[in-house]
Amino acid sequence: MQRVHEPVDLIEAQMLISMLRNEGIDVYLQGEDLIGGVGELPALGLLGLMVANEDVERAQELIILYQQATPVTDDKTDVAQVVQYGTLEC
Protein backbone atom coordinates (compact mmCIF):
# COMPACT_ATOMS: atom_id res chain seq x y z
CA MET A 1 0.00 0.00 0.00
CA GLN A 2 1.05 3.56 -0.66
CA ARG A 3 -0.02 6.90 0.74
CA VAL A 4 -1.56 8.89 -2.11
CA HIS A 5 -2.98 11.95 -0.36
CA GLU A 6 -3.07 13.82 2.95
CA PRO A 7 -6.61 15.15 3.43
CA VAL A 8 -7.05 18.46 5.21
CA ASP A 9 -9.67 17.03 7.57
CA LEU A 10 -12.02 14.11 8.09
CA ILE A 11 -14.68 15.64 5.85
CA GLU A 12 -12.36 15.78 2.85
CA ALA A 13 -11.08 12.31 3.71
CA GLN A 14 -14.58 10.82 3.71
CA MET A 15 -15.51 12.53 0.43
CA LEU A 16 -12.38 11.19 -1.25
CA ILE A 17 -12.86 7.72 0.23
CA SER A 18 -16.42 7.62 -1.17
CA MET A 19 -15.25 8.81 -4.58
CA LEU A 20 -12.41 6.27 -4.76
CA ARG A 21 -14.60 3.40 -3.60
CA ASN A 22 -17.25 4.33 -6.17
CA GLU A 23 -14.50 3.99 -8.78
CA GLY A 24 -13.66 0.50 -7.51
CA ILE A 25 -10.52 1.45 -5.58
CA ASP A 26 -10.10 0.02 -2.08
CA VAL A 27 -8.86 2.77 0.20
CA TYR A 28 -7.81 2.89 3.85
CA LEU A 29 -7.74 6.03 6.00
CA GLN A 30 -4.54 6.08 8.03
CA GLY A 31 -4.43 8.19 11.19
CA GLU A 32 -8.16 8.62 11.79
CA ASP A 33 -7.72 7.58 15.42
CA LEU A 34 -5.04 10.24 15.95
CA ILE A 35 -7.39 13.19 15.39
CA GLY A 36 -8.29 13.24 19.08
CA GLY A 37 -4.63 13.89 19.90
CA VAL A 38 -4.45 17.25 18.13
CA GLY A 39 -2.57 19.59 20.42
CA GLU A 40 -0.37 16.77 21.62
CA LEU A 41 0.62 15.67 18.11
CA PRO A 42 1.70 17.66 15.05
CA ALA A 43 -1.28 19.36 13.41
CA LEU A 44 -0.42 18.33 9.85
CA GLY A 45 0.11 14.97 8.25
CA LEU A 46 -2.01 12.91 10.63
CA LEU A 47 -4.40 11.68 7.95
CA GLY A 48 -3.39 9.73 4.88
CA LEU A 49 -5.29 7.88 2.18
CA MET A 50 -3.69 4.52 1.46
CA VAL A 51 -4.35 2.43 -1.66
CA ALA A 52 -2.89 -0.75 -3.13
CA ASN A 53 0.22 -0.32 -5.28
CA GLU A 54 -1.66 -1.19 -8.46
CA ASP A 55 -4.27 1.55 -7.79
CA VAL A 56 -1.86 4.41 -6.98
CA GLU A 57 -1.80 6.05 -10.41
CA ARG A 58 -5.59 5.94 -10.92
CA ALA A 59 -6.26 7.16 -7.36
CA GLN A 60 -3.88 10.11 -7.83
CA GLU A 61 -5.57 11.01 -11.14
CA LEU A 62 -9.00 10.99 -9.51
CA ILE A 63 -7.83 13.08 -6.56
CA ILE A 64 -6.30 15.66 -8.92
CA LEU A 65 -9.58 15.84 -10.85
CA TYR A 66 -11.44 16.34 -7.55
CA GLN A 67 -9.08 19.15 -6.54
CA GLN A 68 -9.43 20.90 -9.90
CA ALA A 69 -13.22 20.67 -10.02
CA THR A 70 -15.26 23.84 -10.20
CA PRO A 71 -18.39 24.03 -8.05
CA VAL A 72 -21.68 23.94 -9.93
CA THR A 73 -23.45 27.24 -9.40
CA ASP A 74 -26.61 28.93 -10.55
CA ASP A 75 -26.81 32.25 -12.43
CA LYS A 76 -27.09 34.23 -9.17
CA THR A 77 -23.77 33.05 -7.75
CA ASP A 78 -20.80 35.40 -8.06
CA VAL A 79 -18.14 32.98 -9.32
CA ALA A 80 -15.37 35.52 -8.66
CA GLN A 81 -16.33 35.53 -4.96
CA VAL A 82 -16.34 31.73 -4.88
CA VAL A 83 -12.83 31.65 -6.34
CA GLN A 84 -11.58 34.41 -4.01
CA TYR A 85 -12.97 32.95 -0.77
CA GLY A 86 -13.27 29.29 -1.76
CA THR A 87 -16.82 28.93 -0.39
CA LEU A 88 -20.40 28.98 -1.51
CA GLU A 89 -23.08 30.60 0.59
CA CYS A 90 -26.12 28.43 1.18
C-alpha atoms as a PDB file:
ATOM      1  CA  MET A   1       0.000   0.000   0.000  1.00  0.00           C
ATOM      2  CA  GLN A   2       1.054   3.556  -0.663  1.00  0.00           C
ATOM      3  CA  ARG A   3      -0.023   6.900   0.742  1.00  0.00           C
ATOM      4  CA  VAL A   4      -1.556   8.888  -2.110  1.00  0.00           C
ATOM      5  CA  HIS A   5      -2.984  11.949  -0.355  1.00  0.00           C
ATOM      6  CA  GLU A   6      -3.067  13.819   2.950  1.00  0.00           C
ATOM      7  CA  PRO A   7      -6.605  15.152   3.428  1.00  0.00           C
ATOM      8  CA  VAL A   8      -7.053  18.462   5.207  1.00  0.00           C
ATOM      9  CA  ASP A   9      -9.668  17.030   7.566  1.00  0.00           C
ATOM     10  CA  LEU A  10     -12.022  14.106   8.092  1.00  0.00           C
ATOM     11  CA  ILE A  11     -14.684  15.636   5.850  1.00  0.00           C
ATOM     12  CA  GLU A  12     -12.363  15.785   2.851  1.00  0.00           C
ATOM     13  CA  ALA A  13     -11.080  12.309   3.708  1.00  0.00           C
ATOM     14  CA  GLN A  14     -14.578  10.823   3.710  1.00  0.00           C
ATOM     15  CA  MET A  15     -15.513  12.530   0.429  1.00  0.00           C
ATOM     16  CA  LEU A  16     -12.378  11.193  -1.254  1.00  0.00           C
ATOM     17  CA  ILE A  17     -12.864   7.723   0.231  1.00  0.00           C
ATOM     18  CA  SER A  18     -16.417   7.619  -1.167  1.00  0.00           C
ATOM     19  CA  MET A  19     -15.246   8.811  -4.577  1.00  0.00           C
ATOM     20  CA  LEU A  20     -12.414   6.270  -4.765  1.00  0.00           C
ATOM     21  CA  ARG A  21     -14.598   3.400  -3.597  1.00  0.00           C
ATOM     22  CA  ASN A  22     -17.246   4.330  -6.172  1.00  0.00           C
ATOM     23  CA  GLU A  23     -14.497   3.988  -8.776  1.00  0.00           C
ATOM     24  CA  GLY A  24     -13.655   0.503  -7.513  1.00  0.00           C
ATOM     25  CA  ILE A  25     -10.525   1.449  -5.577  1.00  0.00           C
ATOM     26  CA  ASP A  26     -10.102   0.023  -2.083  1.00  0.00           C
ATOM     27  CA  VAL A  27      -8.859   2.773   0.202  1.00  0.00           C
ATOM     28  CA  TYR A  28      -7.815   2.894   3.853  1.00  0.00           C
ATOM     29  CA  LEU A  29      -7.736   6.035   6.003  1.00  0.00           C
ATOM     30  CA  GLN A  30      -4.542   6.080   8.026  1.00  0.00           C
ATOM     31  CA  GLY A  31      -4.435   8.185  11.194  1.00  0.00           C
ATOM     32  CA  GLU A  32      -8.157   8.616  11.791  1.00  0.00           C
ATOM     33  CA  ASP A  33      -7.722   7.577  15.416  1.00  0.00           C
ATOM     34  CA  LEU A  34      -5.039  10.238  15.952  1.00  0.00           C
ATOM     35  CA  ILE A  35      -7.386  13.194  15.388  1.00  0.00           C
ATOM     36  CA  GLY A  36      -8.289  13.242  19.082  1.00  0.00           C
ATOM     37  CA  GLY A  37      -4.633  13.887  19.899  1.00  0.00           C
ATOM     38  CA  VAL A  38      -4.451  17.247  18.128  1.00  0.00           C
ATOM     39  CA  GLY A  39      -2.570  19.590  20.415  1.00  0.00           C
ATOM     40  CA  GLU A  40      -0.373  16.771  21.624  1.00  0.00           C
ATOM     41  CA  LEU A  41       0.618  15.666  18.108  1.00  0.00           C
ATOM     42  CA  PRO A  42       1.702  17.663  15.049  1.00  0.00           C
ATOM     43  CA  ALA A  43      -1.282  19.365  13.415  1.00  0.00           C
ATOM     44  CA  LEU A  44      -0.423  18.330   9.855  1.00  0.00           C
ATOM     45  CA  GLY A  45       0.112  14.974   8.250  1.00  0.00           C
ATOM     46  CA  LEU A  46      -2.009  12.915  10.633  1.00  0.00           C
ATOM     47  CA  LEU A  47      -4.403  11.681   7.951  1.00  0.00           C
ATOM     48  CA  GLY A  48      -3.392   9.725   4.885  1.00  0.00           C
ATOM     49  CA  LEU A  49      -5.287   7.883   2.181  1.00  0.00           C
ATOM     50  CA  MET A  50      -3.690   4.525   1.456  1.00  0.00           C
ATOM     51  CA  VAL A  51      -4.347   2.434  -1.663  1.00  0.00           C
ATOM     52  CA  ALA A  52      -2.893  -0.752  -3.133  1.00  0.00           C
ATOM     53  CA  ASN A  53       0.219  -0.317  -5.278  1.00  0.00           C
ATOM     54  CA  GLU A  54      -1.664  -1.191  -8.465  1.00  0.00           C
ATOM     55  CA  ASP A  55      -4.266   1.553  -7.786  1.00  0.00           C
ATOM     56  CA  VAL A  56      -1.860   4.408  -6.976  1.00  0.00           C
ATOM     57  CA  GLU A  57      -1.805   6.047 -10.406  1.00  0.00           C
ATOM     58  CA  ARG A  58      -5.587   5.936 -10.916  1.00  0.00           C
ATOM     59  CA  ALA A  59      -6.256   7.165  -7.362  1.00  0.00           C
ATOM     60  CA  GLN A  60      -3.882  10.106  -7.830  1.00  0.00           C
ATOM     61  CA  GLU A  61      -5.565  11.009 -11.137  1.00  0.00           C
ATOM     62  CA  LEU A  62      -9.002  10.987  -9.512  1.00  0.00           C
ATOM     63  CA  ILE A  63      -7.831  13.078  -6.559  1.00  0.00           C
ATOM     64  CA  ILE A  64      -6.305  15.662  -8.918  1.00  0.00           C
ATOM     65  CA  LEU A  65      -9.584  15.841 -10.850  1.00  0.00           C
ATOM     66  CA  TYR A  66     -11.444  16.336  -7.554  1.00  0.00           C
ATOM     67  CA  GLN A  67      -9.082  19.149  -6.536  1.00  0.00           C
ATOM     68  CA  GLN A  68      -9.428  20.898  -9.901  1.00  0.00           C
ATOM     69  CA  ALA A  69     -13.218  20.665 -10.024  1.00  0.00           C
ATOM     70  CA  THR A  70     -15.264  23.844 -10.202  1.00  0.00           C
ATOM     71  CA  PRO A  71     -18.393  24.034  -8.046  1.00  0.00           C
ATOM     72  CA  VAL A  72     -21.678  23.938  -9.926  1.00  0.00           C
ATOM     73  CA  THR A  73     -23.447  27.240  -9.402  1.00  0.00           C
ATOM     74  CA  ASP A  74     -26.613  28.933 -10.547  1.00  0.00           C
ATOM     75  CA  ASP A  75     -26.815  32.247 -12.429  1.00  0.00           C
ATOM     76  CA  LYS A  76     -27.092  34.233  -9.170  1.00  0.00           C
ATOM     77  CA  THR A  77     -23.766  33.047  -7.754  1.00  0.00           C
ATOM     78  CA  ASP A  78     -20.804  35.396  -8.060  1.00  0.00           C
ATOM     79  CA  VAL A  79     -18.142  32.975  -9.318  1.00  0.00           C
ATOM     80  CA  ALA A  80     -15.372  35.519  -8.656  1.00  0.00           C
ATOM     81  CA  GLN A  81     -16.334  35.531  -4.960  1.00  0.00           C
ATOM     82  CA  VAL A  82     -16.341  31.726  -4.882  1.00  0.00           C
ATOM     83  CA  VAL A  83     -12.829  31.647  -6.336  1.00  0.00           C
ATOM     84  CA  GLN A  84     -11.580  34.407  -4.007  1.00  0.00           C
ATOM     85  CA  TYR A  85     -12.967  32.953  -0.773  1.00  0.00           C
ATOM     86  CA  GLY A  86     -13.274  29.292  -1.759  1.00  0.00           C
ATOM     87  CA  THR A  87     -16.817  28.931  -0.387  1.00  0.00           C
ATOM     88  CA  LEU A  88     -20.398  28.984  -1.510  1.00  0.00           C
ATOM     89  CA  GLU A  89     -23.083  30.596   0.592  1.00  0.00           C
ATOM     90  CA  CYS A  90     -26.124  28.428   1.175  1.00  0.00           C
END
